[in-house]
Every structure is written in structure tokens, then in C-alpha cells.
């Protein structure tokens, strides 16, 4: 019979770990939005992210979309395919290189985006209503700094983190 290890007071506590807490907030507010765009428009999560990107950046290419959405190339390709099948986007081949297609939102894609974005804005408004104006400013500043540091952590990889911490 295997023995279990006793609970320890050292190490990471998932319930108090900042990345996990940020993930929980994001997941909890994303679920109603995801159900809405899935049920209403038949969109996947990747499809919604890509729609949001091309609503903001007309004629984005797959590489730009991949970076903006933090998706792998296969998910971007599937998402673009879904959007074109639904009539929410058009893909145009690059003038000098057909591999660099530009993806643009259509009128029906813009209408769908606007409906989804309205619900997303309502979610954000409700969240921010729980904070004072000074807390909102502080949160925005803190998130900007955390976004920058998280990008540096991602770029350095786990080995750099391990080396910085002096752990084996």
C-alpha cells in the first residue's frame, strides 16, 4: 500500500498562486461569453478570438493573428476556415506571395462581433463596478507591468526560471 505525503506548509499553494487566481477570474467570465457566441453564432473559442482580432486589425495575416490570439498555427487555420464558412471573414491571397493571405471581416462578421462585444463590455463593466476609480487605475497599471513580465518569463522559458531560482 502506497503512503500519501502529509500536507506541507512549504511550496506553492494553488489557491493563492497569482497566475491561477487570474486564470480563475478569466475562465469564470469567459464561460458565459463562450456559451453565447457558441450557441448564437456557432463560433469556437479560436473563431471568436480571430474575429475579435480582424475586427480591430483589418487584413491581418495568419502570423499576426497567431501572435495576437496566442494560438498555434493549426488552431488559427481552423478558426479562419470556420469564419470564412460562416461568412464572417474573407481570405485574400497576398499580392506577391500567396502564402501570406490577408483575413478581413465581412459585414455579417462585424454584426456578429458587435453583438458579442456588447456582452463582453457588459461583463467588463460589471467587474470594474466592484472597484473604485483609483483601484481601476492601479489594476490597469499592474496588469500592464504583469503583461510585460509574463512575456519576458515566456520568452526565457522554464530553464531560465529554474536557473534564476537556483533549483535543480
N, C-alpha and C. Protein backbone atom coordinates (compact mmCIF):
# COMPACT_ATOMS: atom_id res chain seq x y z
N UNK A 1 0.85 -1.18 0.00
CA UNK A 1 0.00 0.00 0.00
C UNK A 1 0.89 1.24 0.00
N UNK A 2 0.61 2.17 -0.92
CA UNK A 2 1.40 3.39 -1.01
C UNK A 2 0.97 4.36 0.08
N UNK A 3 1.96 5.00 0.65
CA UNK A 3 1.66 6.01 1.66
C UNK A 3 1.55 7.37 0.99
N UNK A 4 0.63 8.17 1.48
CA UNK A 4 0.48 9.53 0.96
C UNK A 4 1.37 10.46 1.75
N UNK A 5 1.80 11.50 1.09
CA UNK A 5 2.63 12.50 1.76
C UNK A 5 1.73 13.43 2.56
N UNK A 6 2.15 13.82 3.74
CA UNK A 6 1.34 14.74 4.54
C UNK A 6 1.32 16.13 3.89
N UNK A 7 0.26 16.87 4.18
CA UNK A 7 0.18 18.24 3.69
C UNK A 7 1.36 19.02 4.24
N UNK A 8 1.88 19.91 3.41
CA UNK A 8 3.05 20.67 3.80
C UNK A 8 2.74 22.17 3.76
N UNK A 9 3.42 22.92 4.57
CA UNK A 9 3.23 24.36 4.57
C UNK A 9 4.21 25.06 3.63
N UNK A 10 5.16 24.33 3.06
CA UNK A 10 6.10 24.98 2.15
C UNK A 10 5.69 24.72 0.70
N UNK A 11 6.15 25.54 -0.16
CA UNK A 11 5.85 25.38 -1.58
C UNK A 11 4.63 26.17 -2.02
N UNK A 12 4.26 25.92 -3.24
CA UNK A 12 3.19 26.66 -3.89
C UNK A 12 1.82 26.19 -3.39
N UNK A 13 0.97 27.12 -3.11
CA UNK A 13 -0.43 26.85 -2.76
C UNK A 13 -1.26 27.32 -3.96
N UNK A 14 -1.84 26.39 -4.67
CA UNK A 14 -2.56 26.72 -5.90
C UNK A 14 -3.61 27.80 -5.67
N UNK A 15 -4.38 27.69 -4.61
CA UNK A 15 -5.47 28.64 -4.38
C UNK A 15 -4.98 30.07 -4.12
N UNK A 16 -3.72 30.24 -3.76
CA UNK A 16 -3.16 31.57 -3.50
C UNK A 16 -2.21 32.02 -4.60
N UNK A 17 -1.93 31.18 -5.57
CA UNK A 17 -0.95 31.46 -6.63
C UNK A 17 -1.57 32.44 -7.63
N UNK A 18 -0.93 33.60 -7.81
CA UNK A 18 -1.45 34.67 -8.65
C UNK A 18 -1.85 34.19 -10.05
N UNK A 19 -1.01 33.47 -10.79
CA UNK A 19 -1.45 33.05 -12.13
C UNK A 19 -2.73 32.21 -12.11
N UNK A 20 -2.89 31.38 -11.10
CA UNK A 20 -4.10 30.56 -11.00
C UNK A 20 -5.31 31.44 -10.69
N UNK A 21 -5.15 32.41 -9.80
CA UNK A 21 -6.25 33.31 -9.47
C UNK A 21 -6.67 34.12 -10.70
N UNK A 22 -5.70 34.60 -11.48
CA UNK A 22 -6.02 35.33 -12.70
C UNK A 22 -6.74 34.41 -13.70
N UNK A 23 -6.27 33.17 -13.79
CA UNK A 23 -6.91 32.19 -14.67
C UNK A 23 -8.37 31.97 -14.27
N UNK A 24 -8.62 31.81 -12.96
CA UNK A 24 -9.99 31.56 -12.49
C UNK A 24 -10.93 32.71 -12.85
N UNK A 25 -10.48 33.93 -12.63
CA UNK A 25 -11.32 35.09 -12.98
C UNK A 25 -11.60 35.07 -14.49
N UNK A 26 -10.57 34.87 -15.29
CA UNK A 26 -10.75 34.86 -16.75
C UNK A 26 -11.68 33.72 -17.18
N UNK A 27 -11.50 32.55 -16.63
CA UNK A 27 -12.33 31.40 -17.01
C UNK A 27 -13.78 31.60 -16.60
N UNK A 28 -14.01 32.15 -15.43
CA UNK A 28 -15.38 32.33 -14.95
C UNK A 28 -16.15 33.34 -15.78
N UNK A 29 -15.51 34.39 -16.24
CA UNK A 29 -16.23 35.37 -17.05
C UNK A 29 -16.24 34.98 -18.53
N UNK A 30 -15.33 34.12 -18.93
CA UNK A 30 -15.29 33.68 -20.33
C UNK A 30 -16.40 32.67 -20.63
N UNK A 31 -16.78 31.87 -19.64
CA UNK A 31 -17.78 30.83 -19.89
C UNK A 31 -19.12 31.37 -20.42
N UNK A 32 -19.72 32.38 -19.78
CA UNK A 32 -20.99 32.87 -20.34
C UNK A 32 -20.82 33.47 -21.74
N UNK A 33 -19.71 34.15 -21.97
CA UNK A 33 -19.44 34.72 -23.29
C UNK A 33 -19.29 33.60 -24.31
N UNK A 34 -18.54 32.56 -23.95
CA UNK A 34 -18.31 31.43 -24.85
C UNK A 34 -19.62 30.72 -25.18
N UNK A 35 -20.48 30.55 -24.17
CA UNK A 35 -21.78 29.91 -24.43
C UNK A 35 -22.61 30.78 -25.39
N UNK A 36 -22.56 32.10 -25.20
CA UNK A 36 -23.31 32.99 -26.08
C UNK A 36 -22.84 32.88 -27.52
N UNK A 37 -21.55 33.07 -27.78
CA UNK A 37 -21.11 33.05 -29.17
C UNK A 37 -21.17 31.67 -29.78
N UNK A 38 -21.05 30.63 -28.94
CA UNK A 38 -21.17 29.27 -29.45
C UNK A 38 -22.61 28.95 -29.86
N UNK A 39 -23.55 29.25 -28.96
CA UNK A 39 -24.95 28.95 -29.23
C UNK A 39 -25.55 29.87 -30.29
N UNK A 40 -25.19 31.14 -30.26
CA UNK A 40 -25.79 32.12 -31.16
C UNK A 40 -25.19 32.07 -32.57
N UNK A 41 -23.88 31.91 -32.66
CA UNK A 41 -23.21 32.01 -33.96
C UNK A 41 -22.47 30.75 -34.39
N UNK A 42 -22.40 29.74 -33.51
CA UNK A 42 -21.67 28.52 -33.86
C UNK A 42 -20.17 28.72 -33.89
N UNK A 43 -19.69 29.71 -33.14
CA UNK A 43 -18.26 30.02 -33.12
C UNK A 43 -17.52 29.21 -32.05
N UNK A 44 -16.33 28.80 -32.37
CA UNK A 44 -15.42 28.21 -31.39
C UNK A 44 -14.69 29.34 -30.67
N UNK A 45 -13.97 28.98 -29.62
CA UNK A 45 -13.19 29.99 -28.90
C UNK A 45 -12.14 30.61 -29.82
N UNK A 46 -11.46 29.77 -30.61
CA UNK A 46 -10.46 30.30 -31.54
C UNK A 46 -11.13 31.20 -32.58
N UNK A 47 -12.29 30.79 -33.07
CA UNK A 47 -13.02 31.61 -34.04
C UNK A 47 -13.36 32.98 -33.49
N UNK A 48 -13.82 33.00 -32.22
CA UNK A 48 -14.14 34.29 -31.59
C UNK A 48 -12.89 35.15 -31.45
N UNK A 49 -11.81 34.57 -31.00
CA UNK A 49 -10.58 35.36 -30.83
C UNK A 49 -10.13 35.96 -32.15
N UNK A 50 -10.17 35.15 -33.20
CA UNK A 50 -9.73 35.61 -34.51
C UNK A 50 -10.68 36.70 -35.02
N UNK A 51 -11.98 36.50 -34.82
CA UNK A 51 -12.95 37.52 -35.22
C UNK A 51 -12.66 38.85 -34.52
N UNK A 52 -12.34 38.78 -33.24
CA UNK A 52 -12.03 40.00 -32.48
C UNK A 52 -10.77 40.67 -33.03
N UNK A 53 -9.78 39.88 -33.42
CA UNK A 53 -8.54 40.44 -33.96
C UNK A 53 -8.80 41.11 -35.30
N UNK A 54 -9.52 40.45 -36.19
CA UNK A 54 -9.73 41.05 -37.51
C UNK A 54 -10.74 42.20 -37.46
N UNK A 55 -11.54 42.26 -36.40
CA UNK A 55 -12.42 43.42 -36.22
C UNK A 55 -11.59 44.65 -35.89
N UNK A 56 -10.46 44.42 -35.24
CA UNK A 56 -9.58 45.52 -34.83
C UNK A 56 -8.49 45.80 -35.86
N UNK A 57 -8.03 44.76 -36.54
CA UNK A 57 -6.92 44.88 -37.50
C UNK A 57 -7.32 44.28 -38.83
N UNK A 58 -7.89 45.08 -39.69
CA UNK A 58 -8.31 44.58 -40.99
C UNK A 58 -7.11 44.06 -41.78
N UNK A 59 -7.34 43.00 -42.50
CA UNK A 59 -6.34 42.40 -43.38
C UNK A 59 -5.14 41.85 -42.61
N UNK A 60 -5.39 41.29 -41.45
CA UNK A 60 -4.31 40.64 -40.69
C UNK A 60 -3.96 39.32 -41.36
N UNK A 61 -2.68 38.93 -41.27
CA UNK A 61 -2.31 37.63 -41.82
C UNK A 61 -2.27 36.60 -40.68
N UNK A 62 -2.11 35.35 -41.03
CA UNK A 62 -2.17 34.27 -40.04
C UNK A 62 -1.12 34.42 -38.95
N UNK A 63 0.07 34.88 -39.28
CA UNK A 63 1.12 35.06 -38.27
C UNK A 63 0.74 36.14 -37.27
N UNK A 64 0.19 37.24 -37.76
CA UNK A 64 -0.26 38.31 -36.87
C UNK A 64 -1.39 37.82 -35.96
N UNK A 65 -2.31 37.07 -36.55
CA UNK A 65 -3.44 36.53 -35.78
C UNK A 65 -2.93 35.55 -34.72
N UNK A 66 -2.01 34.70 -35.09
CA UNK A 66 -1.45 33.71 -34.15
C UNK A 66 -0.85 34.40 -32.94
N UNK A 67 -0.05 35.43 -33.19
CA UNK A 67 0.57 36.17 -32.08
C UNK A 67 -0.46 36.88 -31.22
N UNK A 68 -1.43 37.52 -31.85
CA UNK A 68 -2.43 38.29 -31.12
C UNK A 68 -3.35 37.39 -30.29
N UNK A 69 -3.61 36.19 -30.78
CA UNK A 69 -4.55 35.27 -30.10
C UNK A 69 -3.86 34.25 -29.21
N UNK A 70 -2.55 34.15 -29.28
CA UNK A 70 -1.81 33.12 -28.55
C UNK A 70 -2.34 31.73 -28.91
N UNK A 71 -2.48 31.48 -30.22
CA UNK A 71 -2.96 30.19 -30.72
C UNK A 71 -1.87 29.53 -31.56
N UNK A 72 -1.93 28.21 -31.65
CA UNK A 72 -0.99 27.51 -32.52
C UNK A 72 -1.46 27.65 -33.97
N UNK A 73 -0.55 27.44 -34.93
CA UNK A 73 -0.90 27.64 -36.34
C UNK A 73 -2.11 26.81 -36.80
N UNK A 74 -2.23 25.57 -36.29
CA UNK A 74 -3.35 24.71 -36.69
C UNK A 74 -4.67 25.31 -36.23
N UNK A 75 -4.73 25.82 -34.99
CA UNK A 75 -5.95 26.43 -34.47
C UNK A 75 -6.30 27.70 -35.25
N UNK A 76 -5.29 28.46 -35.64
CA UNK A 76 -5.54 29.67 -36.45
C UNK A 76 -6.13 29.29 -37.79
N UNK A 77 -5.56 28.28 -38.42
CA UNK A 77 -6.06 27.83 -39.72
C UNK A 77 -7.50 27.34 -39.62
N UNK A 78 -7.79 26.54 -38.61
CA UNK A 78 -9.16 26.05 -38.40
C UNK A 78 -10.12 27.21 -38.12
N UNK A 79 -9.68 28.14 -37.27
CA UNK A 79 -10.53 29.29 -36.92
C UNK A 79 -10.84 30.17 -38.12
N UNK A 80 -9.82 30.43 -38.93
CA UNK A 80 -10.04 31.22 -40.15
C UNK A 80 -11.00 30.48 -41.07
N UNK A 81 -10.82 29.17 -41.19
CA UNK A 81 -11.72 28.36 -42.01
C UNK A 81 -13.15 28.45 -41.51
N UNK A 82 -13.33 28.38 -40.20
CA UNK A 82 -14.67 28.49 -39.61
C UNK A 82 -15.30 29.84 -39.94
N UNK A 83 -14.52 30.91 -39.76
CA UNK A 83 -15.04 32.26 -40.03
C UNK A 83 -15.42 32.44 -41.50
N UNK A 84 -14.64 31.89 -42.40
CA UNK A 84 -14.98 32.02 -43.82
C UNK A 84 -16.22 31.18 -44.16
N UNK A 85 -16.34 29.99 -43.57
CA UNK A 85 -17.53 29.16 -43.79
C UNK A 85 -18.80 29.85 -43.28
N UNK A 86 -18.69 30.54 -42.15
CA UNK A 86 -19.84 31.24 -41.58
C UNK A 86 -20.13 32.55 -42.31
N UNK A 87 -19.23 32.96 -43.19
CA UNK A 87 -19.41 34.23 -43.90
C UNK A 87 -19.00 35.43 -43.08
N UNK A 88 -18.23 35.20 -42.00
CA UNK A 88 -17.80 36.29 -41.12
C UNK A 88 -16.45 36.89 -41.54
N UNK A 89 -15.75 36.22 -42.45
CA UNK A 89 -14.44 36.69 -42.89
C UNK A 89 -14.20 36.26 -44.33
N UNK A 90 -13.33 37.00 -44.98
CA UNK A 90 -12.83 36.62 -46.30
C UNK A 90 -11.32 36.57 -46.23
N UNK A 91 -10.78 35.65 -46.99
CA UNK A 91 -9.32 35.49 -47.05
C UNK A 91 -8.89 35.86 -48.47
N UNK A 92 -7.92 36.79 -48.54
CA UNK A 92 -7.40 37.21 -49.84
C UNK A 92 -5.92 36.88 -49.90
N UNK A 93 -5.51 36.27 -51.00
CA UNK A 93 -4.10 35.93 -51.17
C UNK A 93 -3.25 37.18 -51.26
N UNK A 94 -2.01 37.05 -50.75
CA UNK A 94 -1.08 38.16 -50.85
C UNK A 94 -0.73 38.44 -52.30
N UNK A 95 -0.45 39.71 -52.60
CA UNK A 95 -0.17 40.09 -53.98
C UNK A 95 1.13 39.48 -54.49
N UNK A 96 2.16 39.50 -53.65
CA UNK A 96 3.45 39.00 -54.10
C UNK A 96 3.72 37.57 -53.63
N UNK A 97 3.05 37.13 -52.60
CA UNK A 97 3.28 35.80 -52.06
C UNK A 97 1.94 35.23 -51.56
N UNK A 98 1.43 34.22 -52.25
CA UNK A 98 0.12 33.66 -51.94
C UNK A 98 0.06 33.02 -50.56
N UNK A 99 1.22 32.72 -49.95
CA UNK A 99 1.22 32.10 -48.62
C UNK A 99 0.80 33.09 -47.54
N UNK A 100 0.90 34.39 -47.81
CA UNK A 100 0.58 35.41 -46.83
C UNK A 100 -0.79 36.03 -47.12
N UNK A 101 -1.82 35.24 -46.86
CA UNK A 101 -3.18 35.69 -47.10
C UNK A 101 -3.59 36.69 -46.03
N UNK A 102 -4.38 37.66 -46.43
CA UNK A 102 -4.93 38.65 -45.51
C UNK A 102 -6.36 38.23 -45.20
N UNK A 103 -6.73 38.35 -43.92
CA UNK A 103 -8.07 37.98 -43.49
C UNK A 103 -8.80 39.25 -43.07
N UNK A 104 -9.97 39.46 -43.63
CA UNK A 104 -10.77 40.65 -43.34
C UNK A 104 -12.15 40.25 -42.87
N UNK A 105 -12.72 41.08 -42.03
CA UNK A 105 -14.06 40.86 -41.51
C UNK A 105 -15.09 41.30 -42.55
N UNK A 106 -16.21 40.57 -42.62
CA UNK A 106 -17.31 40.93 -43.52
C UNK A 106 -18.36 41.72 -42.73
N UNK A 107 -19.38 42.20 -43.44
CA UNK A 107 -20.46 42.91 -42.74
C UNK A 107 -21.17 42.00 -41.74
N UNK A 108 -21.43 40.76 -42.12
CA UNK A 108 -22.09 39.85 -41.17
C UNK A 108 -21.15 39.51 -40.02
N UNK A 109 -19.86 39.44 -40.29
CA UNK A 109 -18.88 39.23 -39.23
C UNK A 109 -18.84 40.41 -38.28
N UNK A 110 -18.93 41.61 -38.82
CA UNK A 110 -18.95 42.82 -37.99
C UNK A 110 -20.20 42.85 -37.12
N UNK A 111 -21.34 42.46 -37.68
CA UNK A 111 -22.59 42.44 -36.91
C UNK A 111 -22.48 41.42 -35.77
N UNK A 112 -21.95 40.24 -36.05
CA UNK A 112 -21.77 39.22 -35.01
C UNK A 112 -20.80 39.73 -33.95
N UNK A 113 -19.68 40.29 -34.40
CA UNK A 113 -18.70 40.82 -33.45
C UNK A 113 -19.34 41.86 -32.53
N UNK A 114 -20.11 42.77 -33.09
CA UNK A 114 -20.73 43.83 -32.29
C UNK A 114 -21.65 43.25 -31.22
N UNK A 115 -22.40 42.22 -31.55
CA UNK A 115 -23.29 41.59 -30.56
C UNK A 115 -22.50 40.91 -29.46
N UNK A 116 -21.44 40.21 -29.83
CA UNK A 116 -20.60 39.53 -28.83
C UNK A 116 -19.87 40.56 -27.98
N UNK A 117 -19.34 41.59 -28.64
CA UNK A 117 -18.59 42.63 -27.92
C UNK A 117 -19.48 43.35 -26.92
N UNK A 118 -20.76 43.53 -27.22
CA UNK A 118 -21.67 44.18 -26.28
C UNK A 118 -21.78 43.37 -25.00
N UNK A 119 -21.86 42.05 -25.14
CA UNK A 119 -21.91 41.20 -23.95
C UNK A 119 -20.57 41.23 -23.21
N UNK A 120 -19.48 41.22 -23.95
CA UNK A 120 -18.15 41.33 -23.33
C UNK A 120 -17.99 42.63 -22.57
N UNK A 121 -18.49 43.71 -23.13
CA UNK A 121 -18.43 45.01 -22.45
C UNK A 121 -19.27 45.01 -21.18
N UNK A 122 -20.42 44.35 -21.23
CA UNK A 122 -21.27 44.26 -20.04
C UNK A 122 -20.56 43.49 -18.92
N UNK A 123 -19.85 42.44 -19.29
CA UNK A 123 -19.08 41.67 -18.31
C UNK A 123 -18.00 42.56 -17.69
N UNK A 124 -17.26 43.27 -18.54
CA UNK A 124 -16.19 44.14 -18.05
C UNK A 124 -16.75 45.24 -17.14
N UNK A 125 -17.86 45.84 -17.54
CA UNK A 125 -18.48 46.90 -16.74
C UNK A 125 -18.86 46.37 -15.36
N UNK A 126 -19.42 45.20 -15.34
CA UNK A 126 -19.83 44.60 -14.06
C UNK A 126 -18.63 44.32 -13.17
N UNK A 127 -17.56 43.80 -13.75
CA UNK A 127 -16.34 43.54 -12.97
C UNK A 127 -15.76 44.84 -12.42
N UNK A 128 -15.61 45.83 -13.29
CA UNK A 128 -14.97 47.08 -12.88
C UNK A 128 -15.82 47.88 -11.90
N UNK A 129 -17.13 47.64 -11.91
CA UNK A 129 -18.01 48.34 -10.97
C UNK A 129 -17.69 47.97 -9.52
N UNK A 130 -17.03 46.85 -9.32
CA UNK A 130 -16.66 46.41 -7.98
C UNK A 130 -15.43 47.14 -7.45
N UNK A 131 -14.80 47.95 -8.31
CA UNK A 131 -13.57 48.65 -7.93
C UNK A 131 -13.80 50.16 -7.94
N UNK A 132 -13.09 50.84 -7.08
CA UNK A 132 -13.12 52.30 -7.10
C UNK A 132 -12.30 52.78 -8.31
N UNK A 133 -12.41 54.06 -8.63
CA UNK A 133 -11.64 54.63 -9.75
C UNK A 133 -10.14 54.45 -9.52
N UNK A 134 -9.67 54.71 -8.32
CA UNK A 134 -8.23 54.56 -8.05
C UNK A 134 -7.82 53.09 -8.13
N UNK A 135 -8.69 52.18 -7.74
CA UNK A 135 -8.37 50.75 -7.87
C UNK A 135 -8.30 50.34 -9.34
N UNK A 136 -9.18 50.93 -10.17
CA UNK A 136 -9.15 50.63 -11.61
C UNK A 136 -7.84 51.10 -12.23
N UNK A 137 -7.40 52.30 -11.86
CA UNK A 137 -6.13 52.83 -12.37
C UNK A 137 -4.98 51.95 -11.92
N UNK A 138 -4.99 51.57 -10.67
CA UNK A 138 -3.94 50.69 -10.13
C UNK A 138 -3.96 49.34 -10.82
N UNK A 139 -5.15 48.76 -11.02
CA UNK A 139 -5.26 47.48 -11.69
C UNK A 139 -4.72 47.55 -13.11
N UNK A 140 -5.09 48.61 -13.84
CA UNK A 140 -4.60 48.77 -15.21
C UNK A 140 -3.08 48.85 -15.25
N UNK A 141 -2.51 49.63 -14.35
CA UNK A 141 -1.06 49.77 -14.29
C UNK A 141 -0.40 48.43 -13.93
N UNK A 142 -0.97 47.75 -12.94
CA UNK A 142 -0.40 46.46 -12.51
C UNK A 142 -0.49 45.44 -13.63
N UNK A 143 -1.62 45.38 -14.32
CA UNK A 143 -1.76 44.42 -15.42
C UNK A 143 -0.78 44.72 -16.55
N UNK A 144 -0.56 45.98 -16.84
CA UNK A 144 0.42 46.34 -17.87
C UNK A 144 1.80 45.81 -17.50
N UNK A 145 2.20 46.01 -16.24
CA UNK A 145 3.50 45.51 -15.80
C UNK A 145 3.54 43.99 -15.80
N UNK A 146 2.46 43.34 -15.36
CA UNK A 146 2.42 41.87 -15.35
C UNK A 146 2.44 41.30 -16.76
N UNK A 147 1.79 41.97 -17.70
CA UNK A 147 1.83 41.51 -19.09
C UNK A 147 3.26 41.55 -19.62
N UNK A 148 3.97 42.62 -19.33
CA UNK A 148 5.36 42.72 -19.78
C UNK A 148 6.24 41.66 -19.15
N UNK A 149 6.11 41.47 -17.85
CA UNK A 149 6.94 40.46 -17.18
C UNK A 149 6.56 39.05 -17.61
N UNK A 150 5.28 38.79 -17.81
CA UNK A 150 4.89 37.45 -18.24
C UNK A 150 5.43 37.16 -19.64
N UNK A 151 5.51 38.17 -20.49
CA UNK A 151 6.11 37.97 -21.82
C UNK A 151 7.60 37.64 -21.69
N UNK A 152 8.28 38.32 -20.77
CA UNK A 152 9.70 38.01 -20.54
C UNK A 152 9.88 36.60 -19.97
N UNK A 153 9.01 36.20 -19.06
CA UNK A 153 9.08 34.84 -18.49
C UNK A 153 8.87 33.82 -19.59
N UNK A 154 7.86 34.05 -20.43
CA UNK A 154 7.57 33.14 -21.53
C UNK A 154 8.75 33.04 -22.49
N UNK A 155 9.34 34.17 -22.83
CA UNK A 155 10.47 34.18 -23.76
C UNK A 155 11.68 33.46 -23.17
N UNK A 156 11.90 33.60 -21.86
CA UNK A 156 13.06 32.96 -21.22
C UNK A 156 12.88 31.47 -21.01
N UNK A 157 11.66 31.02 -20.85
CA UNK A 157 11.39 29.60 -20.68
C UNK A 157 11.63 29.12 -19.26
N UNK A 158 11.26 27.87 -19.03
CA UNK A 158 11.34 27.30 -17.68
C UNK A 158 12.76 27.10 -17.20
N UNK A 159 13.67 26.82 -18.11
CA UNK A 159 15.07 26.60 -17.67
C UNK A 159 15.66 27.87 -17.05
N UNK A 160 15.36 29.02 -17.67
CA UNK A 160 15.84 30.28 -17.13
C UNK A 160 15.25 30.55 -15.76
N UNK A 161 13.97 30.23 -15.59
CA UNK A 161 13.33 30.41 -14.28
C UNK A 161 13.99 29.52 -13.23
N UNK A 162 14.24 28.28 -13.61
CA UNK A 162 14.87 27.33 -12.70
C UNK A 162 16.27 27.80 -12.33
N UNK A 163 17.01 28.26 -13.34
CA UNK A 163 18.36 28.75 -13.08
C UNK A 163 18.37 29.98 -12.20
N UNK A 164 17.41 30.91 -12.44
CA UNK A 164 17.31 32.12 -11.62
C UNK A 164 16.98 31.79 -10.16
N UNK A 165 16.17 30.75 -9.98
CA UNK A 165 15.75 30.38 -8.62
C UNK A 165 16.80 29.51 -7.94
N UNK A 166 17.78 29.02 -8.70
CA UNK A 166 18.83 28.16 -8.12
C UNK A 166 18.33 26.79 -7.75
N UNK A 167 17.27 26.30 -8.45
CA UNK A 167 16.74 24.98 -8.15
C UNK A 167 17.20 23.98 -9.21
N UNK A 168 17.33 22.74 -8.82
CA UNK A 168 17.80 21.71 -9.77
C UNK A 168 16.78 21.36 -10.82
